Amino acid sequence: MKNPIKFRTICLETIAIIGFATAAVNAQVVSWNFDGYGDISGPSQQAGVVQSPYWNSTYLIDGNSGAPENNLLDNTGAATTLGASFTDNSQYGYAIQFSTPAQDANGSYNKYLLNGYLNNGGGGTVTISLSAIPYPVYNIIVYLSSDTAGRTGTVNVGSTTYDFSTMGPGEISGANASLIQTTSTSGGNPNADYAIFTGLSGNSQIITTAIPSYGGIAGFQVVAVPEPGTVVLASLGGLGVLWLRRRR
């Protein structure tokens, strides 16, 4: 090899371009949270398993099923077609603590996200209907919360139902919020505060939680899944630019 340093530079630049292209097509996220002492709607306030700004923070009046939320913002602050309606009349808002938590030590706002939640109301369910989802393929992350630990429940989207036990104040009592995923579908009820439903399609979905002893949905994220061809094309485009630059 005539110039190993130059070859190494090309490789590093290639990796950077592919990584940038992948990140770019992964960037589409719409996030919503129940604002119970936890507004995270700002452009610099990042929260969630997929760290994102511009959360759509909503406070629903106690005892009211809530007006539909339309044209939810994505993580760039742009309006999308996605709408959410809250159809269960038994739901109302509650919180782990009735004051705004401290920001997480790592700079995120996950404590804000988990603090407030749409409460099942004791034996009821919380149902959020999503419409006009703008992505052909996507994942849905549902965040769960309760002011008391050890309450068992289920969360469902489509044909998948996960079970869990609530984590209570322990979710937000540390330096950083505790985000723990449930993957249980067999009644194991592990301690958890979020579930991920993957590979979904269609322009509508329904999120349903059932926690007989109070608790509910703190928020959700709809995360676009890039098509493999999109990633490849974006990467090849970047490689083409790099090749032309090297030729010059």
C-alpha atoms as a PDB file:
ATOM      1  CA  MET A   1       0.000   0.000   0.000  1.00  0.00           C
ATOM      2  CA  LYS A   2       1.509   3.306  -1.130  1.00  0.00           C
ATOM      3  CA  ASN A   3       0.016   5.565   1.493  1.00  0.00           C
ATOM      4  CA  PRO A   4      -1.418   3.785   4.573  1.00  0.00           C
ATOM      5  CA  ILE A   5      -2.133   7.087   6.335  1.00  0.00           C
ATOM      6  CA  LYS A   6      -4.237   8.285   3.418  1.00  0.00           C
ATOM      7  CA  PHE A   7      -6.049   4.932   3.277  1.00  0.00           C
ATOM      8  CA  ARG A   8      -6.782   5.116   6.993  1.00  0.00           C
ATOM      9  CA  THR A   9      -8.174   8.640   6.565  1.00  0.00           C
ATOM     10  CA  ILE A  10     -10.457   7.471   3.748  1.00  0.00           C
ATOM     11  CA  CYS A  11     -11.742   4.589   5.904  1.00  0.00           C
ATOM     12  CA  LEU A  12     -12.475   6.876   8.832  1.00  0.00           C
ATOM     13  CA  GLU A  13     -14.276   9.365   6.617  1.00  0.00           C
ATOM     14  CA  THR A  14     -16.272   6.530   5.037  1.00  0.00           C
ATOM     15  CA  ILE A  15     -17.354   5.257   8.451  1.00  0.00           C
ATOM     16  CA  ALA A  16     -18.321   8.787   9.467  1.00  0.00           C
ATOM     17  CA  ILE A  17     -20.435   9.261   6.331  1.00  0.00           C
ATOM     18  CA  ILE A  18     -22.247   5.950   6.795  1.00  0.00           C
ATOM     19  CA  GLY A  19     -22.835   6.740  10.453  1.00  0.00           C
ATOM     20  CA  PHE A  20     -24.150  10.192   9.599  1.00  0.00           C
ATOM     21  CA  ALA A  21     -26.473   8.797   6.948  1.00  0.00           C
ATOM     22  CA  THR A  22     -27.838   6.186   9.350  1.00  0.00           C
ATOM     23  CA  ALA A  23     -28.380   8.802  12.059  1.00  0.00           C
ATOM     24  CA  ALA A  24     -30.098  11.104   9.600  1.00  0.00           C
ATOM     25  CA  VAL A  25     -32.701   8.533   8.552  1.00  0.00           C
ATOM     26  CA  ASN A  26     -33.195   7.512  12.196  1.00  0.00           C
ATOM     27  CA  ALA A  27     -34.039  11.052  13.293  1.00  0.00           C
ATOM     28  CA  GLN A  28     -37.842  11.010  12.877  1.00  0.00           C
ATOM     29  CA  VAL A  29     -39.527  10.804  16.283  1.00  0.00           C
ATOM     30  CA  VAL A  30     -42.826  12.107  17.655  1.00  0.00           C
ATOM     31  CA  SER A  31     -42.957  12.205  21.467  1.00  0.00           C
ATOM     32  CA  TRP A  32     -45.882  12.898  23.819  1.00  0.00           C
ATOM     33  CA  ASN A  33     -46.028  13.053  27.619  1.00  0.00           C
ATOM     34  CA  PHE A  34     -48.614  13.783  30.258  1.00  0.00           C
ATOM     35  CA  ASP A  35     -47.565  17.054  31.838  1.00  0.00           C
ATOM     36  CA  GLY A  36     -48.046  16.309  35.519  1.00  0.00           C
ATOM     37  CA  TYR A  37     -45.356  18.625  36.906  1.00  0.00           C
ATOM     38  CA  GLY A  38     -43.150  17.766  33.961  1.00  0.00           C
ATOM     39  CA  ASP A  39     -43.317  19.990  30.877  1.00  0.00           C
ATOM     40  CA  ILE A  40     -40.595  18.858  28.450  1.00  0.00           C
ATOM     41  CA  SER A  41     -41.726  20.694  25.338  1.00  0.00           C
ATOM     42  CA  GLY A  42     -38.634  22.844  24.865  1.00  0.00           C
ATOM     43  CA  PRO A  43     -36.056  22.446  22.082  1.00  0.00           C
ATOM     44  CA  SER A  44     -33.248  21.853  24.585  1.00  0.00           C
ATOM     45  CA  GLN A  45     -35.135  19.420  26.841  1.00  0.00           C
ATOM     46  CA  GLN A  46     -34.265  15.884  25.775  1.00  0.00           C
ATOM     47  CA  ALA A  47     -35.995  12.836  27.219  1.00  0.00           C
ATOM     48  CA  GLY A  48     -36.913   9.260  26.434  1.00  0.00           C
ATOM     49  CA  VAL A  49     -35.261   5.999  25.469  1.00  0.00           C
ATOM     50  CA  VAL A  50     -34.788   7.697  22.104  1.00  0.00           C
ATOM     51  CA  GLN A  51     -33.474  11.010  23.428  1.00  0.00           C
ATOM     52  CA  SER A  52     -35.557  13.683  21.736  1.00  0.00           C
ATOM     53  CA  PRO A  53     -36.538  17.342  22.175  1.00  0.00           C
ATOM     54  CA  TYR A  54     -39.882  18.967  21.349  1.00  0.00           C
ATOM     55  CA  TRP A  55     -42.085  16.680  23.393  1.00  0.00           C
ATOM     56  CA  ASN A  56     -45.786  17.383  23.069  1.00  0.00           C
ATOM     57  CA  SER A  57     -46.574  17.979  26.751  1.00  0.00           C
ATOM     58  CA  THR A  58     -50.298  17.917  27.532  1.00  0.00           C
ATOM     59  CA  TYR A  59     -52.256  18.326  30.738  1.00  0.00           C
ATOM     60  CA  LEU A  60     -55.721  16.768  30.615  1.00  0.00           C
ATOM     61  CA  ILE A  61     -58.306  18.070  33.073  1.00  0.00           C
ATOM     62  CA  ASP A  62     -59.216  15.587  35.824  1.00  0.00           C
ATOM     63  CA  GLY A  63     -62.375  13.660  35.030  1.00  0.00           C
ATOM     64  CA  ASN A  64     -62.254  14.639  31.343  1.00  0.00           C
ATOM     65  CA  SER A  65     -61.325  12.163  28.639  1.00  0.00           C
ATOM     66  CA  GLY A  66     -59.401  14.946  26.926  1.00  0.00           C
ATOM     67  CA  ALA A  67     -59.719  16.669  23.582  1.00  0.00           C
ATOM     68  CA  PRO A  68     -57.822  15.122  20.664  1.00  0.00           C
ATOM     69  CA  GLU A  69     -54.299  16.379  20.075  1.00  0.00           C
ATOM     70  CA  ASN A  70     -53.653  16.931  16.370  1.00  0.00           C
ATOM     71  CA  ASN A  71     -50.548  17.678  14.305  1.00  0.00           C
ATOM     72  CA  LEU A  72     -48.104  16.621  17.005  1.00  0.00           C
ATOM     73  CA  LEU A  73     -44.603  18.014  16.593  1.00  0.00           C
ATOM     74  CA  ASP A  74     -41.650  15.823  15.706  1.00  0.00           C
ATOM     75  CA  ASN A  75     -38.161  16.103  17.165  1.00  0.00           C
ATOM     76  CA  THR A  76     -37.267  18.947  14.812  1.00  0.00           C
ATOM     77  CA  GLY A  77     -40.213  21.045  15.997  1.00  0.00           C
ATOM     78  CA  ALA A  78     -42.135  20.533  12.732  1.00  0.00           C
ATOM     79  CA  ALA A  79     -45.831  19.677  12.768  1.00  0.00           C
ATOM     80  CA  THR A  80     -46.760  16.170  11.587  1.00  0.00           C
ATOM     81  CA  THR A  81     -50.093  14.595  10.685  1.00  0.00           C
ATOM     82  CA  LEU A  82     -50.085  12.428  13.808  1.00  0.00           C
ATOM     83  CA  GLY A  83     -53.031  12.848  16.154  1.00  0.00           C
ATOM     84  CA  ALA A  84     -53.825  11.330  19.562  1.00  0.00           C
ATOM     85  CA  SER A  85     -57.197  10.996  21.252  1.00  0.00           C
ATOM     86  CA  PHE A  86     -57.854   9.894  24.811  1.00  0.00           C
ATOM     87  CA  THR A  87     -61.018   7.849  24.743  1.00  0.00           C
ATOM     88  CA  ASP A  88     -61.400   6.348  28.211  1.00  0.00           C
ATOM     89  CA  ASN A  89     -63.717   8.440  30.373  1.00  0.00           C
ATOM     90  CA  SER A  90     -62.394   6.981  33.627  1.00  0.00           C
ATOM     91  CA  GLN A  91     -58.911   8.436  33.200  1.00  0.00           C
ATOM     92  CA  TYR A  92     -57.548  11.432  35.051  1.00  0.00           C
ATOM     93  CA  GLY A  93     -54.144  12.852  35.815  1.00  0.00           C
ATOM     94  CA  TYR A  94     -51.939  11.973  38.745  1.00  0.00           C
ATOM     95  CA  ALA A  95     -48.260  12.220  39.642  1.00  0.00           C
ATOM     96  CA  ILE A  96     -45.559  10.532  41.687  1.00  0.00           C
ATOM     97  CA  GLN A  97     -44.845  13.867  43.346  1.00  0.00           C
ATOM     98  CA  PHE A  98     -46.884  17.044  43.066  1.00  0.00           C
ATOM     99  CA  SER A  99     -43.911  19.270  42.338  1.00  0.00           C
ATOM    100  CA  THR A 100     -41.531  19.428  39.405  1.00  0.00           C
ATOM    101  CA  PRO A 101     -38.655  16.937  39.864  1.00  0.00           C
ATOM    102  CA  ALA A 102     -35.032  17.974  39.627  1.00  0.00           C
ATOM    103  CA  GLN A 103     -33.439  17.577  36.224  1.00  0.00           C
ATOM    104  CA  ASP A 104     -31.560  14.314  35.746  1.00  0.00           C
ATOM    105  CA  ALA A 105     -27.856  14.474  36.550  1.00  0.00           C
ATOM    106  CA  ASN A 106     -27.056  13.270  33.024  1.00  0.00           C
ATOM    107  CA  GLY A 107     -28.773  16.326  31.534  1.00  0.00           C
ATOM    108  CA  SER A 108     -31.921  14.562  30.360  1.00  0.00           C
ATOM    109  CA  TYR A 109     -35.476  15.240  31.553  1.00  0.00           C
ATOM    110  CA  ASN A 110     -36.563  11.643  32.098  1.00  0.00           C
ATOM    111  CA  LYS A 111     -37.740  12.429  35.638  1.00  0.00           C
ATOM    112  CA  TYR A 112     -40.127  14.965  34.143  1.00  0.00           C
ATOM    113  CA  LEU A 113     -41.351  12.319  31.699  1.00  0.00           C
ATOM    114  CA  LEU A 114     -42.117   9.700  34.353  1.00  0.00           C
ATOM    115  CA  ASN A 115     -43.501  11.947  37.097  1.00  0.00           C
ATOM    116  CA  GLY A 116     -47.009  12.560  35.723  1.00  0.00           C
ATOM    117  CA  TYR A 117     -49.310   9.988  34.152  1.00  0.00           C
ATOM    118  CA  LEU A 118     -52.813   9.318  32.898  1.00  0.00           C
ATOM    119  CA  ASN A 119     -54.266   7.319  35.762  1.00  0.00           C
ATOM    120  CA  ASN A 120     -56.364   4.234  35.131  1.00  0.00           C
ATOM    121  CA  GLY A 121     -58.671   5.295  37.922  1.00  0.00           C
ATOM    122  CA  GLY A 122     -58.706   2.012  39.849  1.00  0.00           C
ATOM    123  CA  GLY A 123     -59.839  -0.938  37.777  1.00  0.00           C
ATOM    124  CA  GLY A 124     -60.147   1.092  34.600  1.00  0.00           C
ATOM    125  CA  THR A 125     -57.991   1.322  31.509  1.00  0.00           C
ATOM    126  CA  VAL A 126     -56.279   4.134  29.668  1.00  0.00           C
ATOM    127  CA  THR A 127     -56.653   4.064  25.900  1.00  0.00           C
ATOM    128  CA  ILE A 128     -54.796   6.386  23.541  1.00  0.00           C
ATOM    129  CA  SER A 129     -55.769   6.168  19.881  1.00  0.00           C
ATOM    130  CA  LEU A 130     -53.144   7.287  17.376  1.00  0.00           C
ATOM    131  CA  SER A 131     -54.204   8.415  13.908  1.00  0.00           C
ATOM    132  CA  ALA A 132     -52.522   9.593  10.695  1.00  0.00           C
ATOM    133  CA  ILE A 133     -49.163   8.152  11.734  1.00  0.00           C
ATOM    134  CA  PRO A 134     -46.768   9.640   9.167  1.00  0.00           C
ATOM    135  CA  TYR A 135     -44.239   6.786   8.939  1.00  0.00           C
ATOM    136  CA  PRO A 136     -44.630   3.570   6.878  1.00  0.00           C
ATOM    137  CA  VAL A 137     -42.786   1.476   9.483  1.00  0.00           C
ATOM    138  CA  TYR A 138     -42.238   2.518  13.093  1.00  0.00           C
ATOM    139  CA  ASN A 139     -41.761   1.466  16.706  1.00  0.00           C
ATOM    140  CA  ILE A 140     -43.909   2.685  19.580  1.00  0.00           C
ATOM    141  CA  ILE A 141     -42.375   3.154  23.029  1.00  0.00           C
ATOM    142  CA  VAL A 142     -44.901   3.423  25.870  1.00  0.00           C
ATOM    143  CA  TYR A 143     -43.821   4.865  29.241  1.00  0.00           C
ATOM    144  CA  LEU A 144     -45.571   3.643  32.382  1.00  0.00           C
ATOM    145  CA  SER A 145     -45.783   5.156  35.842  1.00  0.00           C
ATOM    146  CA  SER A 146     -47.461   4.983  39.248  1.00  0.00           C
ATOM    147  CA  ASP A 147     -47.013   6.640  42.618  1.00  0.00           C
ATOM    148  CA  THR A 148     -46.700   3.221  44.284  1.00  0.00           C
ATOM    149  CA  ALA A 149     -44.386   0.314  43.495  1.00  0.00           C
ATOM    150  CA  GLY A 150     -45.488  -3.273  42.942  1.00  0.00           C
ATOM    151  CA  ARG A 151     -48.771  -2.684  41.130  1.00  0.00           C
ATOM    152  CA  THR A 152     -49.129  -5.193  38.300  1.00  0.00           C
ATOM    153  CA  GLY A 153     -50.516  -4.321  34.907  1.00  0.00           C
ATOM    154  CA  THR A 154     -50.427  -4.816  31.164  1.00  0.00           C
ATOM    155  CA  VAL A 155     -49.797  -2.612  28.149  1.00  0.00           C
ATOM    156  CA  ASN A 156     -51.011  -3.502  24.667  1.00  0.00           C
ATOM    157  CA  VAL A 157     -50.449  -2.318  21.104  1.00  0.00           C
ATOM    158  CA  GLY A 158     -51.777  -4.403  18.228  1.00  0.00           C
ATOM    159  CA  SER A 159     -51.309  -8.124  18.807  1.00  0.00           C
ATOM    160  CA  THR A 160     -48.681  -7.766  21.558  1.00  0.00           C
ATOM    161  CA  THR A 161     -49.333  -7.399  25.288  1.00  0.00           C
ATOM    162  CA  TYR A 162     -46.542  -6.914  27.820  1.00  0.00           C
ATOM    163  CA  ASP A 163     -46.936  -7.261  31.583  1.00  0.00           C
ATOM    164  CA  PHE A 164     -45.070  -5.400  34.315  1.00  0.00           C
ATOM    165  CA  SER A 165     -45.003  -4.197  37.901  1.00  0.00           C
ATOM    166  CA  THR A 166     -44.873  -0.482  38.612  1.00  0.00           C
ATOM    167  CA  MET A 167     -41.715   1.004  40.093  1.00  0.00           C
ATOM    168  CA  GLY A 168     -43.284   3.876  42.040  1.00  0.00           C
ATOM    169  CA  PRO A 169     -41.157   6.752  43.415  1.00  0.00           C
ATOM    170  CA  GLY A 170     -37.999   4.737  42.763  1.00  0.00           C
ATOM    171  CA  GLU A 171     -38.356   5.697  39.095  1.00  0.00           C
ATOM    172  CA  ILE A 172     -37.328   9.267  39.817  1.00  0.00           C
ATOM    173  CA  SER A 173     -35.623   9.185  43.220  1.00  0.00           C
ATOM    174  CA  GLY A 174     -32.039   8.658  42.030  1.00  0.00           C
ATOM    175  CA  ALA A 175     -29.641  11.054  40.370  1.00  0.00           C
ATOM    176  CA  ASN A 176     -31.099   9.872  37.060  1.00  0.00           C
ATOM    177  CA  ALA A 177     -34.497   8.360  36.281  1.00  0.00           C
ATOM    178  CA  SER A 178     -34.582   4.573  36.093  1.00  0.00           C
ATOM    179  CA  LEU A 179     -35.735   3.431  32.670  1.00  0.00           C
ATOM    180  CA  ILE A 180     -36.308  -0.332  32.655  1.00  0.00           C
ATOM    181  CA  GLN A 181     -37.932  -2.205  29.782  1.00  0.00           C
ATOM    182  CA  THR A 182     -40.429  -5.038  30.093  1.00  0.00           C
ATOM    183  CA  THR A 183     -40.278  -7.829  27.534  1.00  0.00           C
ATOM    184  CA  SER A 184     -42.509 -10.192  29.518  1.00  0.00           C
ATOM    185  CA  THR A 185     -45.621 -11.561  27.827  1.00  0.00           C
ATOM    186  CA  SER A 186     -46.229 -14.517  30.154  1.00  0.00           C
ATOM    187  CA  GLY A 187     -47.383 -12.872  33.389  1.00  0.00           C
ATOM    188  CA  GLY A 188     -43.972 -12.532  35.022  1.00  0.00           C
ATOM    189  CA  ASN A 189     -44.720  -8.893  35.866  1.00  0.00           C
ATOM    190  CA  PRO A 190     -41.097  -7.663  36.139  1.00  0.00           C
ATOM    191  CA  ASN A 191     -40.359  -4.214  37.537  1.00  0.00           C
ATOM    192  CA  ALA A 192     -40.435  -1.932  34.501  1.00  0.00           C
ATOM    193  CA  ASP A 193     -41.559   1.462  33.284  1.00  0.00           C
ATOM    194  CA  TYR A 194     -41.555   1.167  29.520  1.00  0.00           C
ATOM    195  CA  ALA A 195     -42.303  -1.254  26.686  1.00  0.00           C
ATOM    196  CA  ILE A 196     -41.298  -1.174  23.018  1.00  0.00           C
ATOM    197  CA  PHE A 197     -43.563  -2.405  20.218  1.00  0.00           C
ATOM    198  CA  THR A 198     -41.471  -2.917  17.106  1.00  0.00           C
ATOM    199  CA  GLY A 199     -41.969  -3.195  13.354  1.00  0.00           C
ATOM    200  CA  LEU A 200     -45.447  -1.668  13.282  1.00  0.00           C
ATOM    201  CA  SER A 201     -47.199  -0.354  10.181  1.00  0.00           C
ATOM    202  CA  GLY A 202     -50.506   1.235   9.304  1.00  0.00           C
ATOM    203  CA  ASN A 203     -51.689   4.789   9.905  1.00  0.00           C
ATOM    204  CA  SER A 204     -53.431   4.082  13.209  1.00  0.00           C
ATOM    205  CA  GLN A 205     -52.727   2.239  16.458  1.00  0.00           C
ATOM    206  CA  ILE A 206     -54.332   1.942  19.900  1.00  0.00           C
ATOM    207  CA  ILE A 207     -52.295   1.939  23.119  1.00  0.00           C
ATOM    208  CA  THR A 208     -54.098   0.386  26.098  1.00  0.00           C
ATOM    209  CA  THR A 209     -52.927  -0.046  29.679  1.00  0.00           C
ATOM    210  CA  ALA A 210     -54.707  -1.867  32.466  1.00  0.00           C
ATOM    211  CA  ILE A 211     -53.445  -1.450  36.035  1.00  0.00           C
ATOM    212  CA  PRO A 212     -56.181  -2.499  38.489  1.00  0.00           C
ATOM    213  CA  SER A 213     -54.592  -0.692  41.458  1.00  0.00           C
ATOM    214  CA  TYR A 214     -53.932   2.732  39.874  1.00  0.00           C
ATOM    215  CA  GLY A 215     -51.189   3.810  37.493  1.00  0.00           C
ATOM    216  CA  GLY A 216     -51.031   4.523  33.806  1.00  0.00           C
ATOM    217  CA  ILE A 217     -49.343   6.011  30.769  1.00  0.00           C
ATOM    218  CA  ALA A 218     -46.714   8.690  31.302  1.00  0.00           C
ATOM    219  CA  GLY A 219     -45.963   9.139  27.599  1.00  0.00           C
ATOM    220  CA  PHE A 220     -45.212   7.548  24.268  1.00  0.00           C
ATOM    221  CA  GLN A 221     -42.830   7.901  21.337  1.00  0.00           C
ATOM    222  CA  VAL A 222     -43.485   6.971  17.718  1.00  0.00           C
ATOM    223  CA  VAL A 223     -40.085   6.300  16.158  1.00  0.00           C
ATOM    224  CA  ALA A 224     -39.713   5.931  12.401  1.00  0.00           C
ATOM    225  CA  VAL A 225     -37.835   2.828  11.277  1.00  0.00           C
ATOM    226  CA  PRO A 226     -35.673   3.600   8.242  1.00  0.00           C
ATOM    227  CA  GLU A 227     -36.023   1.256   5.315  1.00  0.00           C
ATOM    228  CA  PRO A 228     -32.739  -0.613   4.667  1.00  0.00           C
ATOM    229  CA  GLY A 229     -32.659   0.715   1.116  1.00  0.00           C
ATOM    230  CA  THR A 230     -32.801   4.281   2.409  1.00  0.00           C
ATOM    231  CA  VAL A 231     -29.750   3.735   4.590  1.00  0.00           C
ATOM    232  CA  VAL A 232     -27.840   2.100   1.739  1.00  0.00           C
ATOM    233  CA  LEU A 233     -28.691   4.859  -0.733  1.00  0.00           C
ATOM    234  CA  ALA A 234     -27.768   7.587   1.732  1.00  0.00           C
ATOM    235  CA  SER A 235     -24.476   5.846   2.461  1.00  0.00           C
ATOM    236  CA  LEU A 236     -23.681   5.293  -1.222  1.00  0.00           C
ATOM    237  CA  GLY A 237     -24.450   8.938  -1.915  1.00  0.00           C
ATOM    238  CA  GLY A 238     -21.942   9.938   0.745  1.00  0.00           C
ATOM    239  CA  LEU A 239     -19.370   7.537  -0.647  1.00  0.00           C
ATOM    240  CA  GLY A 240     -19.855   9.013  -4.116  1.00  0.00           C
ATOM    241  CA  VAL A 241     -19.096  12.484  -2.826  1.00  0.00           C
ATOM    242  CA  LEU A 242     -16.024  11.150  -1.030  1.00  0.00           C
ATOM    243  CA  TRP A 243     -14.809   9.365  -4.200  1.00  0.00           C
ATOM    244  CA  LEU A 244     -15.181  12.505  -6.314  1.00  0.00           C
ATOM    245  CA  ARG A 245     -13.285  14.535  -3.727  1.00  0.00           C
ATOM    246  CA  ARG A 246     -10.467  11.984  -3.675  1.00  0.00           C
ATOM    247  CA  ARG A 247     -10.322  11.962  -7.496  1.00  0.00           C
ATOM    248  CA  ARG A 248      -9.811  15.729  -7.445  1.00  0.00           C
END
